[in-house]
N, C-alpha and C. Protein backbone atom coordinates (compact mmCIF):
# COMPACT_ATOMS: atom_id res chain seq x y z
N MET A 1 -15.09 6.45 -12.38
CA MET A 1 -16.53 5.64 -10.78
C MET A 1 -15.63 4.93 -10.03
N PHE A 2 -15.55 4.10 -10.45
CA PHE A 2 -14.31 3.06 -9.82
C PHE A 2 -13.78 3.96 -8.60
N PHE A 3 -12.81 4.76 -8.95
CA PHE A 3 -12.30 5.29 -8.51
C PHE A 3 -13.04 6.18 -7.79
N TYR A 4 -13.53 6.50 -7.69
CA TYR A 4 -14.94 7.02 -6.78
C TYR A 4 -15.32 7.09 -5.41
N LEU A 5 -15.66 5.59 -6.18
CA LEU A 5 -16.12 4.59 -4.99
C LEU A 5 -15.24 4.03 -4.12
N ALA A 6 -14.01 3.16 -4.55
CA ALA A 6 -12.80 2.80 -3.49
C ALA A 6 -12.36 3.91 -2.71
N LYS A 7 -12.56 5.24 -3.19
CA LYS A 7 -12.18 6.57 -2.50
C LYS A 7 -13.01 6.68 -1.07
N GLY A 8 -14.32 6.57 -1.79
CA GLY A 8 -15.61 6.57 -0.80
C GLY A 8 -15.43 4.89 0.92
N LEU A 9 -15.20 4.37 -0.04
CA LEU A 9 -15.06 2.69 0.82
C LEU A 9 -13.93 2.78 1.78
N TRP A 10 -13.15 3.67 1.29
CA TRP A 10 -11.87 3.97 2.04
C TRP A 10 -11.78 4.62 3.52
N PHE A 11 -12.55 5.78 2.75
CA PHE A 11 -12.93 7.19 3.83
C PHE A 11 -13.62 6.10 4.97
N LEU A 12 -14.99 5.65 4.26
CA LEU A 12 -15.27 4.87 5.24
C LEU A 12 -15.40 3.83 6.58
N LEU A 13 -14.24 2.85 5.56
CA LEU A 13 -13.84 1.72 6.54
C LEU A 13 -12.37 1.77 7.32
N GLN A 14 -11.62 3.23 6.66
CA GLN A 14 -10.50 2.95 8.22
C GLN A 14 -10.67 3.08 9.60
N PRO A 15 -9.84 2.34 9.81
CA PRO A 15 -9.98 2.59 11.70
C PRO A 15 -10.73 4.02 12.24
N SER A 16 -9.84 4.85 12.11
CA SER A 16 -9.97 6.56 12.34
C SER A 16 -11.65 7.24 12.17
N THR A 17 -11.97 6.72 11.33
CA THR A 17 -13.69 6.82 11.19
C THR A 17 -14.34 5.77 11.31
N LEU A 18 -13.78 4.41 11.87
CA LEU A 18 -14.82 3.79 12.28
C LEU A 18 -14.94 4.58 13.66
N ILE A 19 -13.97 4.12 14.25
CA ILE A 19 -14.03 5.07 16.16
C ILE A 19 -14.87 6.41 16.08
N ALA A 20 -14.55 7.47 15.17
CA ALA A 20 -15.26 8.47 15.30
C ALA A 20 -17.06 8.07 15.27
N LEU A 21 -16.92 7.40 14.24
CA LEU A 21 -18.45 7.19 13.81
C LEU A 21 -19.26 6.14 15.09
N LEU A 22 -18.84 5.06 15.44
CA LEU A 22 -18.73 4.72 17.10
C LEU A 22 -19.03 5.79 18.19
N ILE A 23 -17.84 6.57 18.19
CA ILE A 23 -18.27 8.06 19.46
C ILE A 23 -19.30 8.42 19.11
N GLY A 24 -20.05 8.63 17.79
CA GLY A 24 -20.93 10.09 17.16
C GLY A 24 -21.70 9.38 17.80
N TYR A 25 -21.99 8.27 17.21
CA TYR A 25 -23.64 7.18 17.59
C TYR A 25 -23.28 7.19 18.60
N GLY A 26 -22.58 7.02 19.78
CA GLY A 26 -23.14 6.69 20.93
C GLY A 26 -23.32 8.01 21.90
N ALA A 27 -22.61 8.85 21.12
CA ALA A 27 -22.45 10.07 21.94
C ALA A 27 -24.46 10.88 21.36
N ILE A 28 -24.64 10.12 20.36
CA ILE A 28 -26.47 10.65 20.03
C ILE A 28 -27.66 9.53 20.66
N LEU A 29 -26.58 8.37 21.17
CA LEU A 29 -28.25 7.88 22.19
C LEU A 29 -28.00 8.20 23.15
N ILE A 30 -26.78 8.66 23.99
CA ILE A 30 -26.89 8.93 25.36
C ILE A 30 -27.97 10.36 25.54
N TRP A 31 -28.59 10.50 24.39
CA TRP A 31 -29.60 11.33 24.59
C TRP A 31 -30.96 10.92 23.88
N THR A 32 -31.05 9.82 23.89
CA THR A 32 -32.15 8.98 23.38
C THR A 32 -32.50 7.31 25.00
N GLY A 33 -33.48 7.04 24.69
CA GLY A 33 -34.26 5.97 25.98
C GLY A 33 -32.76 4.85 25.47
N TRP A 34 -31.62 5.49 25.24
CA TRP A 34 -30.64 3.84 24.69
C TRP A 34 -29.66 4.72 24.73
N ALA A 35 -29.38 5.15 26.46
CA ALA A 35 -28.30 6.03 26.89
C ALA A 35 -27.04 5.10 27.28
N ARG A 36 -27.70 4.00 27.94
CA ARG A 36 -26.79 2.91 29.17
C ARG A 36 -25.87 2.45 27.50
N TRP A 37 -26.13 2.20 26.47
CA TRP A 37 -25.97 1.84 25.26
C TRP A 37 -25.10 3.47 24.98
N GLY A 38 -24.99 3.80 24.75
CA GLY A 38 -23.92 5.18 23.76
C GLY A 38 -23.71 5.33 24.96
N ARG A 39 -23.62 4.92 26.27
CA ARG A 39 -22.49 5.39 26.96
C ARG A 39 -21.15 4.35 26.85
N ARG A 40 -21.71 3.04 26.65
CA ARG A 40 -21.01 2.10 26.23
C ARG A 40 -19.97 2.28 24.78
N PHE A 41 -21.00 2.88 23.60
CA PHE A 41 -19.58 2.96 22.46
C PHE A 41 -18.50 3.66 22.34
N VAL A 42 -19.34 5.20 24.10
CA VAL A 42 -18.20 6.50 23.89
C VAL A 42 -17.42 5.38 24.31
N THR A 43 -17.39 4.63 24.95
CA THR A 43 -15.86 4.61 26.44
C THR A 43 -14.98 3.54 24.95
N ILE A 44 -16.23 2.47 24.88
CA ILE A 44 -15.47 1.65 23.87
C ILE A 44 -15.06 2.72 22.53
N GLY A 45 -15.19 3.42 22.03
CA GLY A 45 -14.57 3.90 21.22
C GLY A 45 -13.22 5.53 21.64
N ALA A 46 -13.86 5.46 22.69
CA ALA A 46 -12.55 6.63 23.29
C ALA A 46 -11.00 5.46 23.67
N ILE A 47 -11.83 3.95 23.71
CA ILE A 47 -10.48 3.33 24.77
C ILE A 47 -9.79 3.11 23.08
N LEU A 48 -10.45 2.66 22.63
CA LEU A 48 -9.68 2.53 20.90
C LEU A 48 -9.15 3.78 20.75
N LEU A 49 -9.48 4.92 20.50
CA LEU A 49 -8.49 6.25 19.69
C LEU A 49 -7.19 5.97 20.85
N LEU A 50 -7.43 5.84 22.10
CA LEU A 50 -6.33 6.26 22.97
C LEU A 50 -5.50 4.88 23.19
N VAL A 51 -6.48 3.15 22.57
CA VAL A 51 -4.99 2.39 21.87
C VAL A 51 -4.35 2.45 20.93
N ALA A 52 -5.24 3.09 19.57
CA ALA A 52 -4.58 3.14 18.50
C ALA A 52 -3.65 4.70 18.79
N GLY A 53 -3.85 5.43 19.34
CA GLY A 53 -2.86 6.74 19.47
C GLY A 53 -1.40 6.87 20.19
N LEU A 54 -2.03 6.15 21.15
CA LEU A 54 -0.88 5.90 22.24
C LEU A 54 0.08 5.15 22.23
N SER A 55 -0.66 3.72 21.72
CA SER A 55 0.09 2.06 21.92
C SER A 55 1.03 2.11 20.83
N PRO A 56 2.18 1.47 20.73
CA PRO A 56 3.21 0.62 20.18
C PRO A 56 1.61 -0.29 19.05
N LEU A 57 0.61 -0.42 18.79
CA LEU A 57 0.21 -1.77 18.02
C LEU A 57 -0.31 -0.70 16.95
N GLY A 58 -0.24 0.44 16.14
CA GLY A 58 -0.57 0.42 15.29
C GLY A 58 0.71 0.04 14.05
N ASN A 59 2.18 0.87 15.08
CA ASN A 59 3.53 0.07 14.53
C ASN A 59 3.08 -1.97 14.56
N ALA A 60 2.61 -2.60 15.07
CA ALA A 60 2.96 -3.68 15.31
C ALA A 60 1.80 -4.15 14.43
N LEU A 61 0.68 -3.70 13.61
CA LEU A 61 0.04 -4.08 13.14
C LEU A 61 -0.18 -4.05 11.33
N ILE A 62 1.08 -2.53 10.97
CA ILE A 62 1.31 -2.62 9.64
C ILE A 62 2.96 -3.21 9.51
N MET A 63 4.07 -3.50 10.06
CA MET A 63 4.95 -4.09 9.90
C MET A 63 4.51 -5.19 8.88
N PRO A 64 4.10 -6.21 9.47
CA PRO A 64 3.87 -7.03 7.84
C PRO A 64 4.02 -6.97 6.61
N LEU A 65 3.05 -5.68 6.54
CA LEU A 65 3.19 -5.36 5.36
C LEU A 65 4.66 -4.56 5.18
N GLU A 66 5.16 -3.53 6.12
CA GLU A 66 6.79 -3.18 5.34
C GLU A 66 7.76 -3.96 5.80
N ASP A 67 7.44 -5.41 5.81
CA ASP A 67 8.48 -6.23 6.03
C ASP A 67 8.78 -7.03 4.76
N ARG A 68 7.66 -7.47 4.17
CA ARG A 68 7.17 -9.11 2.83
C ARG A 68 8.10 -8.02 1.96
N PHE A 69 8.49 -7.23 1.60
CA PHE A 69 9.32 -7.15 0.27
C PHE A 69 10.54 -6.65 0.46
N PRO A 70 11.67 -7.41 0.69
CA PRO A 70 13.39 -6.95 0.70
C PRO A 70 12.96 -6.48 -0.61
N ARG A 71 14.02 -5.26 -0.26
CA ARG A 71 14.92 -5.01 -1.62
C ARG A 71 15.58 -5.24 -2.57
N ALA A 72 15.43 -5.53 -3.19
CA ALA A 72 16.02 -6.13 -5.00
C ALA A 72 17.30 -6.00 -4.39
N ASN A 73 18.34 -7.08 -4.99
CA ASN A 73 19.66 -6.83 -4.67
C ASN A 73 19.88 -6.44 -6.82
N LEU A 74 21.12 -5.11 -6.44
CA LEU A 74 21.42 -4.01 -7.41
C LEU A 74 22.87 -4.34 -7.63
N SER A 75 23.18 -5.60 -7.33
CA SER A 75 24.94 -5.70 -7.39
C SER A 75 24.81 -6.78 -8.02
N GLU A 76 23.90 -7.06 -8.51
CA GLU A 76 23.25 -8.43 -9.66
C GLU A 76 22.97 -8.23 -11.52
N PRO A 77 23.74 -9.18 -11.76
CA PRO A 77 23.13 -7.18 -13.73
C PRO A 77 21.75 -8.39 -14.04
N PRO A 78 21.15 -7.65 -14.54
CA PRO A 78 21.96 -6.43 -15.35
C PRO A 78 21.73 -4.75 -14.47
N PRO A 79 22.35 -3.95 -14.77
CA PRO A 79 21.60 -2.68 -13.80
C PRO A 79 20.72 -2.42 -14.27
N PRO A 80 20.17 -1.44 -13.54
CA PRO A 80 18.79 -1.19 -13.53
C PRO A 80 19.17 0.37 -15.12
N ALA A 81 17.48 -1.10 -15.62
CA ALA A 81 16.91 1.10 -16.96
C ALA A 81 16.17 1.93 -16.29
N GLY A 82 15.69 1.75 -14.59
CA GLY A 82 14.91 2.45 -14.57
C GLY A 82 14.54 2.17 -13.03
N PHE A 83 14.06 3.95 -12.60
CA PHE A 83 13.62 3.70 -11.48
C PHE A 83 11.86 4.26 -11.51
N ILE A 84 11.01 3.50 -10.78
CA ILE A 84 9.50 4.82 -10.70
C ILE A 84 9.50 4.98 -9.64
N ILE A 85 8.73 5.59 -9.66
CA ILE A 85 8.77 6.80 -8.29
C ILE A 85 7.03 6.58 -8.52
N LEU A 86 6.18 6.73 -7.26
CA LEU A 86 5.24 6.10 -7.00
C LEU A 86 4.03 7.32 -6.39
N GLY A 87 3.32 8.26 -6.93
CA GLY A 87 2.90 10.26 -6.79
C GLY A 87 2.43 9.33 -4.78
N GLY A 88 2.33 10.37 -4.68
CA GLY A 88 1.75 10.45 -2.71
C GLY A 88 2.47 11.30 -1.95
N ALA A 89 4.27 11.39 -2.56
CA ALA A 89 5.06 12.05 -1.43
C ALA A 89 4.41 13.27 -1.12
N GLU A 90 3.40 14.15 -2.24
CA GLU A 90 3.26 16.00 -1.52
C GLU A 90 2.00 16.05 -2.13
N ASP A 91 2.07 16.91 -0.79
CA ASP A 91 0.75 17.45 -0.38
C ASP A 91 0.53 18.89 -1.49
N ARG A 92 -0.31 18.46 -2.55
CA ARG A 92 -0.48 19.62 -3.41
C ARG A 92 -1.30 20.72 -2.88
N LEU A 93 -1.78 20.26 -2.42
CA LEU A 93 -3.03 21.25 -1.82
C LEU A 93 -1.87 22.85 -0.98
N VAL A 94 -0.30 22.42 -0.07
CA VAL A 94 0.32 23.67 0.44
C VAL A 94 1.01 23.99 -0.34
N GLY A 95 2.04 22.62 -1.87
CA GLY A 95 2.31 22.76 -1.99
C GLY A 95 1.46 23.74 -3.84
N SER A 96 1.03 24.12 -4.11
CA SER A 96 0.25 24.97 -5.13
C SER A 96 0.07 26.49 -4.40
N ALA A 97 -0.44 26.53 -3.04
CA ALA A 97 -0.67 27.19 -2.56
C ALA A 97 1.45 28.37 -2.11
N ARG A 98 2.03 27.60 -2.05
CA ARG A 98 2.71 27.85 -1.52
C ARG A 98 4.31 28.90 -2.86
N ARG A 99 3.25 27.46 -3.51
CA ARG A 99 4.45 27.32 -4.95
C ARG A 99 5.55 27.52 -5.59
N ALA A 100 5.42 25.50 -4.63
CA ALA A 100 7.01 24.94 -4.38
C ALA A 100 6.24 23.59 -4.01
N PRO A 101 7.38 22.74 -4.13
CA PRO A 101 6.91 21.35 -3.60
C PRO A 101 6.49 21.05 -1.87
N ALA A 102 6.30 20.48 -1.73
CA ALA A 102 6.23 21.04 -0.38
C ALA A 102 5.51 18.78 -0.19
N LEU A 103 7.27 18.29 0.96
CA LEU A 103 6.76 16.56 1.26
C LEU A 103 5.79 16.94 1.84
N ASN A 104 5.17 15.10 2.59
CA ASN A 104 4.25 14.43 3.44
C ASN A 104 5.36 13.81 4.18
N GLU A 105 4.63 12.58 4.18
CA GLU A 105 5.29 11.88 5.42
C GLU A 105 5.92 10.60 4.28
N ALA A 106 5.47 10.84 3.09
CA ALA A 106 6.11 9.43 2.30
C ALA A 106 7.13 10.21 1.21
N ALA A 107 7.93 11.42 2.21
CA ALA A 107 9.24 11.92 1.06
C ALA A 107 10.32 10.99 1.16
N GLU A 108 10.62 9.72 1.79
CA GLU A 108 11.30 9.09 1.54
C GLU A 108 11.87 7.95 -0.42
N ARG A 109 9.66 8.29 -1.15
CA ARG A 109 10.68 8.43 -2.13
C ARG A 109 10.80 9.14 -2.97
N MET A 110 11.01 9.92 -2.90
CA MET A 110 11.71 11.13 -3.41
C MET A 110 13.72 10.89 -3.47
N VAL A 111 13.53 11.31 -2.03
CA VAL A 111 15.18 11.40 -1.83
C VAL A 111 15.55 9.63 -1.45
N GLU A 112 14.52 8.65 -1.76
CA GLU A 112 15.27 7.23 -2.24
C GLU A 112 15.53 7.65 -4.12
N ALA A 113 14.92 8.02 -4.91
CA ALA A 113 14.61 8.40 -5.50
C ALA A 113 16.20 8.99 -6.05
N ALA A 114 16.30 10.44 -5.22
CA ALA A 114 17.49 11.40 -5.88
C ALA A 114 18.77 10.53 -6.14
N ILE A 115 19.32 9.48 -4.97
CA ILE A 115 19.74 8.82 -4.29
C ILE A 115 20.57 8.09 -5.64
N LEU A 116 19.44 6.81 -5.54
CA LEU A 116 19.37 6.32 -7.15
C LEU A 116 20.31 6.76 -8.11
N ALA A 117 19.31 7.65 -8.68
CA ALA A 117 18.83 8.38 -9.87
C ALA A 117 21.30 8.71 -9.68
N ARG A 118 21.70 9.37 -9.40
CA ARG A 118 22.72 9.81 -8.62
C ARG A 118 23.89 8.38 -9.05
N LEU A 119 23.22 7.70 -7.93
CA LEU A 119 24.70 6.15 -8.64
C LEU A 119 24.32 4.87 -9.65
N TYR A 120 23.17 5.71 -10.74
CA TYR A 120 22.71 4.39 -11.64
C TYR A 120 22.84 5.80 -12.47
N PRO A 121 23.76 6.62 -12.92
CA PRO A 121 23.84 7.70 -13.63
C PRO A 121 22.95 7.43 -15.30
N GLU A 122 22.97 6.06 -15.77
CA GLU A 122 22.28 5.64 -17.67
C GLU A 122 20.96 5.28 -16.80
N ALA A 123 20.58 5.30 -15.53
CA ALA A 123 19.07 4.76 -15.63
C ALA A 123 18.25 5.76 -15.78
N LYS A 124 17.12 5.90 -15.96
CA LYS A 124 15.56 6.86 -16.11
C LYS A 124 14.77 6.50 -14.59
N ILE A 125 14.24 7.33 -14.86
CA ILE A 125 13.35 8.27 -13.63
C ILE A 125 12.28 8.51 -14.26
N ALA A 126 11.42 7.17 -13.84
CA ALA A 126 9.93 7.64 -14.01
C ALA A 126 8.66 7.65 -12.65
N PHE A 127 8.18 8.56 -13.05
CA PHE A 127 7.07 9.20 -12.16
C PHE A 127 5.73 9.16 -12.14
N SER A 128 5.14 8.60 -11.58
CA SER A 128 3.55 8.22 -11.33
C SER A 128 2.92 8.86 -10.64
N GLY A 129 1.76 9.89 -11.21
CA GLY A 129 1.03 10.86 -10.44
C GLY A 129 0.10 11.64 -11.14
N GLY A 130 -1.21 12.12 -10.76
CA GLY A 130 -1.94 13.37 -11.25
C GLY A 130 -2.69 13.71 -10.45
N ASP A 131 -3.76 13.74 -11.05
CA ASP A 131 -4.58 14.83 -9.49
C ASP A 131 -5.22 13.80 -9.31
N ALA A 132 -5.33 13.83 -8.20
CA ALA A 132 -6.05 12.45 -7.63
C ALA A 132 -7.49 13.21 -6.06
N GLY A 133 -7.44 14.32 -6.63
CA GLY A 133 -8.37 15.20 -5.75
C GLY A 133 -9.32 15.35 -6.70
N ILE A 134 -10.29 14.73 -4.91
CA ILE A 134 -12.00 14.15 -5.05
C ILE A 134 -12.76 15.66 -5.02
N PHE A 135 -12.31 16.57 -4.26
CA PHE A 135 -13.28 17.82 -4.99
C PHE A 135 -12.59 18.96 -4.10
N TYR A 136 -11.58 19.12 -5.03
CA TYR A 136 -10.72 20.58 -6.09
C TYR A 136 -9.38 19.90 -6.31
N LYS A 137 -8.93 20.69 -7.54
CA LYS A 137 -7.64 20.19 -8.04
C LYS A 137 -7.07 21.48 -8.36
N THR A 138 -5.55 20.18 -7.58
CA THR A 138 -4.42 20.84 -7.15
C THR A 138 -3.44 21.15 -8.41
N GLY A 139 -3.82 20.95 -9.36
CA GLY A 139 -2.93 20.12 -11.08
C GLY A 139 -1.82 18.69 -10.07
N ASN A 140 -1.68 18.65 -11.24
CA ASN A 140 -0.43 17.05 -11.10
C ASN A 140 0.44 16.43 -9.75
N GLU A 141 -0.14 15.61 -9.61
CA GLU A 141 2.26 15.55 -8.96
C GLU A 141 2.88 15.47 -9.95
N ALA A 142 2.78 15.28 -11.08
CA ALA A 142 3.69 15.08 -11.92
C ALA A 142 4.86 16.61 -12.26
N GLU A 143 4.26 17.88 -11.95
CA GLU A 143 4.26 18.51 -11.80
C GLU A 143 5.29 19.16 -10.79
N GLY A 144 5.63 18.77 -9.49
CA GLY A 144 5.83 18.64 -8.01
C GLY A 144 7.18 17.61 -8.72
N ALA A 145 7.01 17.08 -8.84
CA ALA A 145 7.91 15.62 -9.09
C ALA A 145 9.59 16.33 -9.63
N GLU A 146 9.02 16.63 -11.36
CA GLU A 146 9.46 17.27 -11.87
C GLU A 146 10.44 18.34 -10.87
N THR A 147 9.90 19.45 -10.52
CA THR A 147 10.23 20.16 -10.07
C THR A 147 11.55 20.10 -8.87
N LEU A 148 10.90 19.11 -8.18
CA LEU A 148 11.80 18.70 -6.59
C LEU A 148 13.31 17.99 -7.38
N LEU A 149 12.62 17.00 -8.17
CA LEU A 149 14.28 16.42 -8.77
C LEU A 149 14.82 16.97 -9.53
N THR A 150 14.89 18.04 -10.48
CA THR A 150 15.92 18.46 -11.43
C THR A 150 15.88 19.73 -9.96
N ALA A 151 15.67 19.63 -9.39
CA ALA A 151 16.41 20.28 -8.14
C ALA A 151 17.67 19.94 -7.45
N LEU A 152 17.23 18.70 -7.46
CA LEU A 152 17.69 17.50 -6.68
C LEU A 152 19.30 16.91 -7.62
N GLY A 153 19.46 18.03 -8.94
CA GLY A 153 20.48 17.26 -9.77
C GLY A 153 20.46 16.18 -10.81
N VAL A 154 18.89 15.46 -10.76
CA VAL A 154 18.25 14.74 -12.17
C VAL A 154 18.58 14.50 -13.23
N SER A 155 18.47 15.21 -14.64
CA SER A 155 18.32 15.93 -15.64
C SER A 155 17.79 15.69 -15.64
N PRO A 156 16.98 16.61 -16.53
CA PRO A 156 14.92 16.65 -17.04
C PRO A 156 15.21 15.65 -18.65
N ASP A 157 16.42 15.37 -18.93
CA ASP A 157 15.91 14.14 -20.05
C ASP A 157 16.13 13.00 -19.38
N ARG A 158 16.09 12.04 -18.52
CA ARG A 158 15.93 10.98 -17.63
C ARG A 158 15.11 11.14 -17.63
N LEU A 159 14.24 12.41 -17.37
CA LEU A 159 12.55 11.60 -16.56
C LEU A 159 11.70 11.27 -17.50
N ILE A 160 10.70 10.57 -17.30
CA ILE A 160 9.46 9.84 -17.32
C ILE A 160 8.37 9.73 -16.71
N LEU A 161 7.46 11.02 -16.89
CA LEU A 161 7.00 11.44 -16.14
C LEU A 161 5.56 12.07 -16.56
N GLU A 162 4.75 10.28 -15.52
CA GLU A 162 2.90 10.04 -15.97
C GLU A 162 2.20 11.46 -15.70
N ALA A 163 0.92 11.71 -15.80
CA ALA A 163 0.10 13.12 -14.63
C ALA A 163 -1.39 12.13 -15.36
N LYS A 164 -1.31 11.29 -15.16
CA LYS A 164 -3.12 10.62 -15.54
C LYS A 164 -3.14 10.08 -14.49
N SER A 165 -2.51 9.57 -14.30
CA SER A 165 -3.18 8.19 -12.39
C SER A 165 -3.66 8.86 -11.83
N ARG A 166 -4.46 8.18 -10.71
CA ARG A 166 -4.99 8.87 -9.84
C ARG A 166 -4.66 7.60 -8.62
N ASP A 167 -4.78 6.38 -9.40
CA ASP A 167 -4.55 5.66 -7.89
C ASP A 167 -3.21 4.22 -8.42
N THR A 168 -3.25 3.76 -7.53
CA THR A 168 -2.50 2.86 -8.39
C THR A 168 -2.57 2.23 -9.29
N TYR A 169 -3.16 1.27 -9.46
CA TYR A 169 -3.91 0.74 -10.18
C TYR A 169 -3.50 1.86 -11.92
N GLU A 170 -3.45 2.96 -11.30
CA GLU A 170 -3.69 3.46 -12.76
C GLU A 170 -2.53 3.98 -13.20
N ASN A 171 -1.67 3.78 -11.78
CA ASN A 171 -0.58 3.72 -12.06
C ASN A 171 0.63 3.20 -12.50
N ALA A 172 0.61 1.71 -12.49
CA ALA A 172 0.58 0.17 -13.48
C ALA A 172 0.38 1.03 -14.27
N ALA A 173 -0.95 0.69 -15.08
CA ALA A 173 -1.29 0.33 -16.37
C ALA A 173 -1.00 1.57 -17.12
N PHE A 174 -1.13 3.22 -16.71
CA PHE A 174 -0.56 4.43 -17.35
C PHE A 174 0.95 3.93 -17.51
N LEU A 175 1.91 3.85 -16.59
CA LEU A 175 3.25 3.59 -16.43
C LEU A 175 3.24 2.90 -17.56
N LYS A 176 3.05 1.87 -17.50
CA LYS A 176 3.56 0.61 -18.51
C LYS A 176 2.36 1.23 -20.10
N GLU A 177 1.94 1.67 -20.50
CA GLU A 177 1.15 2.68 -21.78
C GLU A 177 2.45 3.32 -21.87
N GLU A 178 2.16 4.22 -21.26
CA GLU A 178 3.84 4.84 -21.57
C GLU A 178 5.10 4.83 -21.96
N LEU A 179 5.28 3.88 -20.80
CA LEU A 179 7.03 3.30 -21.34
C LEU A 179 7.10 2.05 -22.34
N THR A 180 5.74 2.04 -22.97
CA THR A 180 6.04 0.86 -23.77
C THR A 180 5.96 1.44 -25.19
N ARG A 181 5.42 2.73 -25.10
CA ARG A 181 5.10 3.62 -26.11
C ARG A 181 6.37 4.18 -25.95
N LEU A 182 7.22 4.44 -25.46
CA LEU A 182 9.05 5.05 -25.72
C LEU A 182 9.70 3.76 -25.68
N GLY A 183 9.89 2.80 -25.44
CA GLY A 183 10.18 2.17 -25.97
C GLY A 183 11.25 1.34 -24.84
N ASP A 184 10.90 1.50 -23.61
CA ASP A 184 11.78 1.06 -22.78
C ASP A 184 11.48 -0.01 -22.05
N LEU A 185 10.70 -0.97 -22.01
CA LEU A 185 9.75 -1.96 -22.00
C LEU A 185 10.43 -3.06 -22.81
N GLY A 186 11.04 -4.27 -22.14
CA GLY A 186 10.71 -4.95 -22.97
C GLY A 186 12.19 -6.25 -22.19
N PRO A 187 13.06 -7.12 -22.86
CA PRO A 187 13.37 -8.14 -22.26
C PRO A 187 14.87 -7.34 -21.63
N GLY A 188 15.24 -8.26 -20.60
CA GLY A 188 16.98 -7.48 -20.57
C GLY A 188 16.75 -5.84 -19.68
N LYS A 189 15.40 -5.41 -19.54
CA LYS A 189 15.43 -3.69 -18.86
C LYS A 189 14.75 -3.74 -17.64
N ARG A 190 15.43 -3.89 -16.93
CA ARG A 190 14.89 -3.82 -15.02
C ARG A 190 14.68 -2.84 -14.04
N TRP A 191 13.25 -2.99 -13.85
CA TRP A 191 13.05 -1.48 -13.32
C TRP A 191 12.29 -1.60 -12.29
N LEU A 192 12.90 -0.64 -10.96
CA LEU A 192 12.64 -1.04 -9.94
C LEU A 192 11.83 0.22 -9.09
N LEU A 193 10.27 -0.70 -8.88
CA LEU A 193 9.96 0.55 -7.37
C LEU A 193 10.02 1.39 -6.44
N ILE A 194 9.78 2.26 -6.39
CA ILE A 194 9.84 2.70 -4.99
C ILE A 194 8.57 3.43 -5.00
N THR A 195 8.39 2.90 -3.71
CA THR A 195 7.42 3.31 -2.91
C THR A 195 7.85 3.25 -1.29
N SER A 196 7.01 3.56 -0.43
CA SER A 196 7.04 2.87 1.28
C SER A 196 6.91 2.10 1.21
N ALA A 197 7.33 1.31 2.31
CA ALA A 197 7.08 0.20 2.44
C ALA A 197 5.63 -0.80 3.06
N TYR A 198 4.91 0.45 3.71
CA TYR A 198 4.18 -0.26 3.40
C TYR A 198 2.71 -0.33 2.47
N HIS A 199 3.46 0.30 1.69
CA HIS A 199 2.11 -0.24 0.19
C HIS A 199 2.80 -0.80 -0.86
N MET A 200 3.87 -1.26 -0.40
CA MET A 200 4.34 -2.14 -1.51
C MET A 200 4.28 -3.35 -1.49
N PRO A 201 3.14 -3.58 -0.57
CA PRO A 201 2.58 -4.62 -1.34
C PRO A 201 1.45 -4.36 -2.44
N ARG A 202 0.22 -3.99 -2.02
CA ARG A 202 -0.32 -2.86 -2.89
C ARG A 202 -0.05 -2.64 -4.11
N ALA A 203 1.50 -1.89 -4.57
CA ALA A 203 2.14 -1.70 -5.09
C ALA A 203 1.94 -2.47 -6.30
N ILE A 204 2.71 -3.56 -5.70
CA ILE A 204 3.17 -5.09 -6.71
C ILE A 204 2.46 -6.07 -7.57
N GLY A 205 0.55 -6.11 -6.02
CA GLY A 205 -0.21 -6.32 -6.82
C GLY A 205 -0.34 -5.38 -7.94
N ALA A 206 -1.28 -4.46 -8.07
CA ALA A 206 -1.19 -3.91 -8.98
C ALA A 206 -0.01 -4.23 -10.35
N PHE A 207 0.83 -3.72 -10.24
CA PHE A 207 1.91 -3.76 -11.10
C PHE A 207 1.66 -5.18 -11.57
N ARG A 208 1.50 -6.26 -10.85
CA ARG A 208 1.03 -7.79 -11.42
C ARG A 208 0.13 -8.13 -12.82
N GLN A 209 -0.54 -7.19 -12.26
CA GLN A 209 -2.05 -7.23 -12.47
C GLN A 209 -2.32 -6.59 -14.39
N ALA A 210 -1.28 -5.29 -14.11
CA ALA A 210 -1.05 -4.71 -15.44
C ALA A 210 -0.34 -5.18 -16.26
N GLY A 211 -0.10 -6.54 -15.74
CA GLY A 211 0.98 -7.50 -16.72
C GLY A 211 2.64 -6.63 -17.08
N PHE A 212 3.24 -5.99 -15.38
CA PHE A 212 3.71 -5.07 -15.95
C PHE A 212 5.54 -5.93 -14.35
N ASP A 213 6.21 -6.58 -14.61
CA ASP A 213 7.41 -7.24 -13.65
C ASP A 213 7.97 -6.50 -13.48
N VAL A 214 8.27 -5.72 -12.01
CA VAL A 214 9.33 -4.60 -11.32
C VAL A 214 9.43 -5.77 -10.07
N GLU A 215 11.28 -4.94 -9.56
CA GLU A 215 11.26 -5.73 -8.76
C GLU A 215 11.38 -4.42 -6.94
N PRO A 216 10.83 -4.88 -6.34
CA PRO A 216 11.01 -3.97 -5.16
C PRO A 216 11.75 -3.31 -4.57
N TRP A 217 11.38 -2.20 -4.16
CA TRP A 217 12.41 -1.21 -3.16
C TRP A 217 12.47 -0.61 -2.51
N PRO A 218 11.14 -0.65 -1.00
CA PRO A 218 10.60 -0.13 -0.27
C PRO A 218 11.71 0.98 0.33
């Protein structure tokens, strides 16, 4: 229930939705006795849309999130026991239709994982991501991740796939449970978290809440 509530609130509260609602509400008012307010709302919404879409404001606002967590120092011991990739890098709807992994704007998560897998051949690669679809089901992301990572040269016996989680908090909780079951968590076992830089603060918070100590690799 919490998952669906969170998804619904995010859809309603994200800036693009609020701007669309402002313009839509204004358009309705234009046809009533509140036409002056309607024109104002439409004008304000159009200005906000132009500023958000065509100016560097969006990048400026997101930069503090992206710069909050620097990359962990891998030159310091101990070597990493494994790398965690969070789902969200694949468009499962397109991938299912094409029967091939279809990456989106978060594709760097998979690219970084493949690079680190080659640099640290003893490290495990853990992927966490299930089916987060609300109106349609397209299969869990772990399936696409396994296909892509093995195609990029990662040995299947190094992969740990968690395919039940639907959001970041479930990523942390379910993956901790899986790694504990496999005996891959414990003192001296260093795990790095790979996700998009803007998503890292939220992800680190979720893993801390789950009691899972990870190091960032944005």
